[in-house]
Amino acid sequence: MTPLDRDAALALVHEYTQSESLRTHMLCVEAAMRFYARLRGEDENLWAIVGLLHDFDYERWPDPPHHPLQGAAILAERGYPQQVIYAIKSHADYLDDCPRVSPLDKTLYACDELAGFIVAVAMVRPEGVVGMKPSSVKKKLKQKSFAAAVNRDDITRGAADLGVELDEHIANVIAAINEIAPQIGLTGSK
């Protein structure tokens, strides 16, 4: 096993996370990270692993700064590369010593909240994520009571940090989630 083995990373997710919705979130961020790596000619496996593992410690240590610092320590013990650990730490705004500097760091931050929000939108649509348009997501973003825990500023700031228009970023993350929609139950009730 290597530290960038997907099966080992998924086993770590299952070891620390019982919540199916949190596991689904991590799978969606993994898909979005893989999509962006492919789009930008980066290491798909590395980027996907970062997306998959970014919240694996959240269920046990949800309070800052324990999340993601507890997870970072576990990843270090298990031999994960510093690049993976740093990117995961950088998705937390409250860790001043971990600014987002690399494309990997910025992409994780940009995909995290948006992937969660897109899943929330998919759950209230009869067709799930299938056929979803950025305009549908933007309409729900304006509705403050919908998925109220999602920080809208993080979504817009993330797209800006990536240098991608918000509509394009939303479309990219929708496309990424569509790739895994059947395995995570987001194809709707049709």
C-alpha atoms as a PDB file:
ATOM      1  CA  MET A   1       0.000   0.000   0.000  1.00  0.00           C
ATOM      2  CA  THR A   2       1.183   3.494  -0.842  1.00  0.00           C
ATOM      3  CA  PRO A   3      -0.079   6.620   0.908  1.00  0.00           C
ATOM      4  CA  LEU A   4      -1.886   7.607  -2.289  1.00  0.00           C
ATOM      5  CA  ASP A   5      -3.767   4.350  -2.648  1.00  0.00           C
ATOM      6  CA  ARG A   6      -7.477   5.145  -3.069  1.00  0.00           C
ATOM      7  CA  ASP A   7      -8.643   1.941  -1.375  1.00  0.00           C
ATOM      8  CA  ALA A   8      -6.534   2.766   1.690  1.00  0.00           C
ATOM      9  CA  ALA A   9      -7.860   6.348   1.727  1.00  0.00           C
ATOM     10  CA  LEU A  10     -11.444   5.119   1.448  1.00  0.00           C
ATOM     11  CA  ALA A  11     -10.819   2.646   4.274  1.00  0.00           C
ATOM     12  CA  LEU A  12      -9.577   5.557   6.406  1.00  0.00           C
ATOM     13  CA  VAL A  13     -12.779   7.488   5.609  1.00  0.00           C
ATOM     14  CA  HIS A  14     -14.868   4.484   6.685  1.00  0.00           C
ATOM     15  CA  GLU A  15     -12.785   3.986   9.832  1.00  0.00           C
ATOM     16  CA  TYR A  16     -13.389   7.544  11.056  1.00  0.00           C
ATOM     17  CA  THR A  17     -16.746   8.478   9.488  1.00  0.00           C
ATOM     18  CA  GLN A  18     -20.048   6.696  10.059  1.00  0.00           C
ATOM     19  CA  SER A  19     -22.339   9.362   8.569  1.00  0.00           C
ATOM     20  CA  GLU A  20     -23.418   8.441   5.041  1.00  0.00           C
ATOM     21  CA  SER A  21     -24.069  12.093   4.182  1.00  0.00           C
ATOM     22  CA  LEU A  22     -20.530  13.064   5.224  1.00  0.00           C
ATOM     23  CA  ARG A  23     -19.091  10.140   3.260  1.00  0.00           C
ATOM     24  CA  THR A  24     -21.134  11.255   0.243  1.00  0.00           C
ATOM     25  CA  HIS A  25     -19.794  14.780   0.655  1.00  0.00           C
ATOM     26  CA  MET A  26     -16.213  13.522   0.616  1.00  0.00           C
ATOM     27  CA  LEU A  27     -16.902  11.399  -2.485  1.00  0.00           C
ATOM     28  CA  CYS A  28     -18.354  14.451  -4.241  1.00  0.00           C
ATOM     29  CA  VAL A  29     -15.361  16.619  -3.359  1.00  0.00           C
ATOM     30  CA  GLU A  30     -13.108  13.783  -4.541  1.00  0.00           C
ATOM     31  CA  ALA A  31     -14.950  13.755  -7.883  1.00  0.00           C
ATOM     32  CA  ALA A  32     -14.699  17.542  -8.211  1.00  0.00           C
ATOM     33  CA  MET A  33     -10.979  17.473  -7.427  1.00  0.00           C
ATOM     34  CA  ARG A  34     -10.412  14.701  -9.977  1.00  0.00           C
ATOM     35  CA  PHE A  35     -12.372  16.722 -12.557  1.00  0.00           C
ATOM     36  CA  TYR A  36     -10.255  19.847 -11.974  1.00  0.00           C
ATOM     37  CA  ALA A  37      -6.992  17.879 -12.003  1.00  0.00           C
ATOM     38  CA  ARG A  38      -7.951  16.399 -15.359  1.00  0.00           C
ATOM     39  CA  LEU A  39      -8.985  19.831 -16.661  1.00  0.00           C
ATOM     40  CA  ARG A  40      -5.695  21.407 -15.573  1.00  0.00           C
ATOM     41  CA  GLY A  41      -3.297  18.579 -16.363  1.00  0.00           C
ATOM     42  CA  GLU A  42      -2.516  17.825 -12.722  1.00  0.00           C
ATOM     43  CA  ASP A  43      -2.084  14.495 -10.894  1.00  0.00           C
ATOM     44  CA  GLU A  44      -5.668  13.169 -10.758  1.00  0.00           C
ATOM     45  CA  ASN A  45      -4.963  10.590  -8.078  1.00  0.00           C
ATOM     46  CA  LEU A  46      -3.224  13.064  -5.760  1.00  0.00           C
ATOM     47  CA  TRP A  47      -5.956  15.680  -6.126  1.00  0.00           C
ATOM     48  CA  ALA A  48      -8.730  13.082  -5.706  1.00  0.00           C
ATOM     49  CA  ILE A  49      -7.151  11.703  -2.517  1.00  0.00           C
ATOM     50  CA  VAL A  50      -7.046  15.234  -1.058  1.00  0.00           C
ATOM     51  CA  GLY A  51     -10.748  15.658  -1.829  1.00  0.00           C
ATOM     52  CA  LEU A  52     -11.636  12.258  -0.421  1.00  0.00           C
ATOM     53  CA  LEU A  53      -9.751  12.754   2.848  1.00  0.00           C
ATOM     54  CA  HIS A  54     -10.363  16.443   3.531  1.00  0.00           C
ATOM     55  CA  ASP A  55     -13.107  15.871   6.143  1.00  0.00           C
ATOM     56  CA  PHE A  56     -12.387  12.318   7.320  1.00  0.00           C
ATOM     57  CA  ASP A  57     -11.734  13.572  10.878  1.00  0.00           C
ATOM     58  CA  TYR A  58     -14.725  15.934  11.060  1.00  0.00           C
ATOM     59  CA  GLU A  59     -17.188  13.533  12.679  1.00  0.00           C
ATOM     60  CA  ARG A  60     -14.869  12.830  15.641  1.00  0.00           C
ATOM     61  CA  TRP A  61     -13.368  16.325  15.961  1.00  0.00           C
ATOM     62  CA  PRO A  62     -15.797  18.860  14.456  1.00  0.00           C
ATOM     63  CA  ASP A  63     -14.581  21.872  16.427  1.00  0.00           C
ATOM     64  CA  PRO A  64     -11.823  24.176  15.199  1.00  0.00           C
ATOM     65  CA  PRO A  65      -8.895  23.768  15.235  1.00  0.00           C
ATOM     66  CA  HIS A  66      -9.205  20.048  16.034  1.00  0.00           C
ATOM     67  CA  HIS A  67     -10.608  19.637  12.532  1.00  0.00           C
ATOM     68  CA  PRO A  68      -8.464  19.384  10.462  1.00  0.00           C
ATOM     69  CA  LEU A  69      -5.459  19.219  12.787  1.00  0.00           C
ATOM     70  CA  GLN A  70      -6.368  15.829  14.295  1.00  0.00           C
ATOM     71  CA  GLY A  71      -6.728  14.435  10.781  1.00  0.00           C
ATOM     72  CA  ALA A  72      -3.442  16.003   9.705  1.00  0.00           C
ATOM     73  CA  ALA A  73      -1.644  14.224  12.557  1.00  0.00           C
ATOM     74  CA  ILE A  74      -3.232  10.887  11.602  1.00  0.00           C
ATOM     75  CA  LEU A  75      -2.268  11.372   7.954  1.00  0.00           C
ATOM     76  CA  ALA A  76       1.313  12.195   8.957  1.00  0.00           C
ATOM     77  CA  GLU A  77       1.486   9.033  11.096  1.00  0.00           C
ATOM     78  CA  ARG A  78       0.294   7.008   8.127  1.00  0.00           C
ATOM     79  CA  GLY A  79       2.896   8.432   5.768  1.00  0.00           C
ATOM     80  CA  TYR A  80       0.800  10.735   3.609  1.00  0.00           C
ATOM     81  CA  PRO A  81       2.829  13.335   1.696  1.00  0.00           C
ATOM     82  CA  GLN A  82       3.136  16.807   3.193  1.00  0.00           C
ATOM     83  CA  GLN A  83       1.450  18.228   0.072  1.00  0.00           C
ATOM     84  CA  VAL A  84      -1.732  16.277   0.893  1.00  0.00           C
ATOM     85  CA  ILE A  85      -1.664  17.259   4.570  1.00  0.00           C
ATOM     86  CA  TYR A  86      -1.045  20.929   3.849  1.00  0.00           C
ATOM     87  CA  ALA A  87      -3.846  21.157   1.286  1.00  0.00           C
ATOM     88  CA  ILE A  88      -6.280  19.604   3.761  1.00  0.00           C
ATOM     89  CA  LYS A  89      -5.186  21.965   6.533  1.00  0.00           C
ATOM     90  CA  SER A  90      -5.480  24.953   4.185  1.00  0.00           C
ATOM     91  CA  HIS A  91      -9.206  24.398   3.599  1.00  0.00           C
ATOM     92  CA  ALA A  92      -9.824  25.674   7.139  1.00  0.00           C
ATOM     93  CA  ASP A  93     -10.026  29.480   7.158  1.00  0.00           C
ATOM     94  CA  TYR A  94      -9.121  29.628  10.838  1.00  0.00           C
ATOM     95  CA  LEU A  95      -5.607  28.189  10.474  1.00  0.00           C
ATOM     96  CA  ASP A  96      -3.569  31.342   9.879  1.00  0.00           C
ATOM     97  CA  ASP A  97      -0.344  29.409   9.327  1.00  0.00           C
ATOM     98  CA  CYS A  98      -1.811  27.512   6.343  1.00  0.00           C
ATOM     99  CA  PRO A  99      -2.728  30.014   3.632  1.00  0.00           C
ATOM    100  CA  ARG A 100      -3.957  28.571   0.350  1.00  0.00           C
ATOM    101  CA  VAL A 101      -1.048  28.978  -2.048  1.00  0.00           C
ATOM    102  CA  SER A 102      -0.971  26.115  -4.551  1.00  0.00           C
ATOM    103  CA  PRO A 103      -3.593  25.284  -7.176  1.00  0.00           C
ATOM    104  CA  LEU A 104      -4.306  22.120  -5.146  1.00  0.00           C
ATOM    105  CA  ASP A 105      -5.055  24.147  -1.998  1.00  0.00           C
ATOM    106  CA  LYS A 106      -7.242  26.641  -3.852  1.00  0.00           C
ATOM    107  CA  THR A 107      -9.175  23.957  -5.697  1.00  0.00           C
ATOM    108  CA  LEU A 108     -10.022  22.042  -2.521  1.00  0.00           C
ATOM    109  CA  TYR A 109     -11.322  25.213  -0.895  1.00  0.00           C
ATOM    110  CA  ALA A 110     -13.321  26.126  -4.006  1.00  0.00           C
ATOM    111  CA  CYS A 111     -14.912  22.684  -4.327  1.00  0.00           C
ATOM    112  CA  ASP A 112     -15.698  21.927  -0.676  1.00  0.00           C
ATOM    113  CA  GLU A 113     -18.694  24.155   0.105  1.00  0.00           C
ATOM    114  CA  LEU A 114     -19.971  24.149  -3.477  1.00  0.00           C
ATOM    115  CA  ALA A 115     -20.065  20.347  -3.686  1.00  0.00           C
ATOM    116  CA  GLY A 116     -22.058  20.236  -0.459  1.00  0.00           C
ATOM    117  CA  PHE A 117     -24.475  22.832  -1.750  1.00  0.00           C
ATOM    118  CA  ILE A 118     -24.967  21.064  -5.087  1.00  0.00           C
ATOM    119  CA  VAL A 119     -25.789  17.840  -3.241  1.00  0.00           C
ATOM    120  CA  ALA A 120     -28.371  19.739  -1.179  1.00  0.00           C
ATOM    121  CA  VAL A 121     -29.947  21.097  -4.376  1.00  0.00           C
ATOM    122  CA  ALA A 122     -29.902  17.621  -5.965  1.00  0.00           C
ATOM    123  CA  MET A 123     -31.728  16.155  -2.970  1.00  0.00           C
ATOM    124  CA  VAL A 124     -34.752  18.402  -3.548  1.00  0.00           C
ATOM    125  CA  ARG A 125     -34.935  17.814  -7.317  1.00  0.00           C
ATOM    126  CA  PRO A 126     -36.888  14.828  -8.689  1.00  0.00           C
ATOM    127  CA  GLU A 127     -34.053  14.207 -11.169  1.00  0.00           C
ATOM    128  CA  GLY A 128     -31.297  14.654  -8.609  1.00  0.00           C
ATOM    129  CA  VAL A 129     -28.140  16.130 -10.109  1.00  0.00           C
ATOM    130  CA  VAL A 130     -29.041  14.913 -13.618  1.00  0.00           C
ATOM    131  CA  GLY A 131     -29.699  17.861 -15.913  1.00  0.00           C
ATOM    132  CA  MET A 132     -28.920  20.408 -13.188  1.00  0.00           C
ATOM    133  CA  LYS A 133     -27.945  23.835 -14.488  1.00  0.00           C
ATOM    134  CA  PRO A 134     -25.832  26.520 -12.797  1.00  0.00           C
ATOM    135  CA  SER A 135     -28.878  28.816 -12.855  1.00  0.00           C
ATOM    136  CA  SER A 136     -30.756  26.379 -10.569  1.00  0.00           C
ATOM    137  CA  VAL A 137     -27.868  26.382  -8.117  1.00  0.00           C
ATOM    138  CA  LYS A 138     -27.526  30.172  -8.193  1.00  0.00           C
ATOM    139  CA  LYS A 139     -31.251  30.567  -7.559  1.00  0.00           C
ATOM    140  CA  LYS A 140     -30.959  28.378  -4.438  1.00  0.00           C
ATOM    141  CA  LEU A 141     -27.834  30.279  -3.346  1.00  0.00           C
ATOM    142  CA  LYS A 142     -29.956  33.437  -3.130  1.00  0.00           C
ATOM    143  CA  GLN A 143     -32.417  31.625  -0.859  1.00  0.00           C
ATOM    144  CA  LYS A 144     -30.648  32.101   2.495  1.00  0.00           C
ATOM    145  CA  SER A 145     -32.905  29.610   4.309  1.00  0.00           C
ATOM    146  CA  PHE A 146     -31.929  26.801   1.918  1.00  0.00           C
ATOM    147  CA  ALA A 147     -28.869  24.860   3.185  1.00  0.00           C
ATOM    148  CA  ALA A 148     -28.344  27.750   5.580  1.00  0.00           C
ATOM    149  CA  ALA A 149     -25.136  26.275   7.022  1.00  0.00           C
ATOM    150  CA  VAL A 150     -23.344  26.633   3.669  1.00  0.00           C
ATOM    151  CA  ASN A 151     -21.213  29.759   3.546  1.00  0.00           C
ATOM    152  CA  ARG A 152     -22.097  31.525   0.293  1.00  0.00           C
ATOM    153  CA  ASP A 153     -19.053  33.800   0.573  1.00  0.00           C
ATOM    154  CA  ASP A 154     -16.776  30.734   0.600  1.00  0.00           C
ATOM    155  CA  ILE A 155     -18.343  29.615  -2.675  1.00  0.00           C
ATOM    156  CA  THR A 156     -17.864  32.942  -4.463  1.00  0.00           C
ATOM    157  CA  ARG A 157     -14.400  33.502  -2.950  1.00  0.00           C
ATOM    158  CA  GLY A 158     -13.360  29.980  -3.931  1.00  0.00           C
ATOM    159  CA  ALA A 159     -14.309  30.492  -7.572  1.00  0.00           C
ATOM    160  CA  ALA A 160     -12.526  33.861  -7.625  1.00  0.00           C
ATOM    161  CA  ASP A 161      -9.356  32.348  -6.091  1.00  0.00           C
ATOM    162  CA  LEU A 162      -9.433  29.681  -8.799  1.00  0.00           C
ATOM    163  CA  GLY A 163      -9.758  32.337 -11.476  1.00  0.00           C
ATOM    164  CA  VAL A 164     -12.960  30.749 -12.782  1.00  0.00           C
ATOM    165  CA  GLU A 165     -16.300  32.469 -13.340  1.00  0.00           C
ATOM    166  CA  LEU A 166     -18.871  31.281 -10.799  1.00  0.00           C
ATOM    167  CA  ASP A 167     -21.204  29.846 -13.478  1.00  0.00           C
ATOM    168  CA  GLU A 168     -18.344  27.853 -15.004  1.00  0.00           C
ATOM    169  CA  HIS A 169     -17.216  26.610 -11.585  1.00  0.00           C
ATOM    170  CA  ILE A 170     -20.741  25.492 -10.708  1.00  0.00           C
ATOM    171  CA  ALA A 171     -21.041  23.732 -14.083  1.00  0.00           C
ATOM    172  CA  ASN A 172     -17.706  21.957 -13.520  1.00  0.00           C
ATOM    173  CA  VAL A 173     -18.678  20.673 -10.080  1.00  0.00           C
ATOM    174  CA  ILE A 174     -22.105  19.572 -11.356  1.00  0.00           C
ATOM    175  CA  ALA A 175     -20.386  17.662 -14.178  1.00  0.00           C
ATOM    176  CA  ALA A 176     -17.994  16.031 -11.707  1.00  0.00           C
ATOM    177  CA  ILE A 177     -20.793  14.923  -9.387  1.00  0.00           C
ATOM    178  CA  ASN A 178     -22.775  13.624 -12.352  1.00  0.00           C
ATOM    179  CA  GLU A 179     -19.894  11.217 -13.021  1.00  0.00           C
ATOM    180  CA  ILE A 180     -20.536   9.479  -9.686  1.00  0.00           C
ATOM    181  CA  ALA A 181     -24.272  10.223  -9.269  1.00  0.00           C
ATOM    182  CA  PRO A 182     -25.463   6.628  -9.802  1.00  0.00           C
ATOM    183  CA  GLN A 183     -23.158   5.223  -7.093  1.00  0.00           C
ATOM    184  CA  ILE A 184     -24.171   7.850  -4.507  1.00  0.00           C
ATOM    185  CA  GLY A 185     -27.894   7.902  -5.244  1.00  0.00           C
ATOM    186  CA  LEU A 186     -28.171  11.336  -6.838  1.00  0.00           C
ATOM    187  CA  THR A 187     -29.820  10.363 -10.118  1.00  0.00           C
ATOM    188  CA  GLY A 188     -33.299  11.163  -8.847  1.00  0.00           C
ATOM    189  CA  SER A 189     -36.454   9.155  -8.564  1.00  0.00           C
ATOM    190  CA  LYS A 190     -37.112   8.709 -12.298  1.00  0.00           C
END
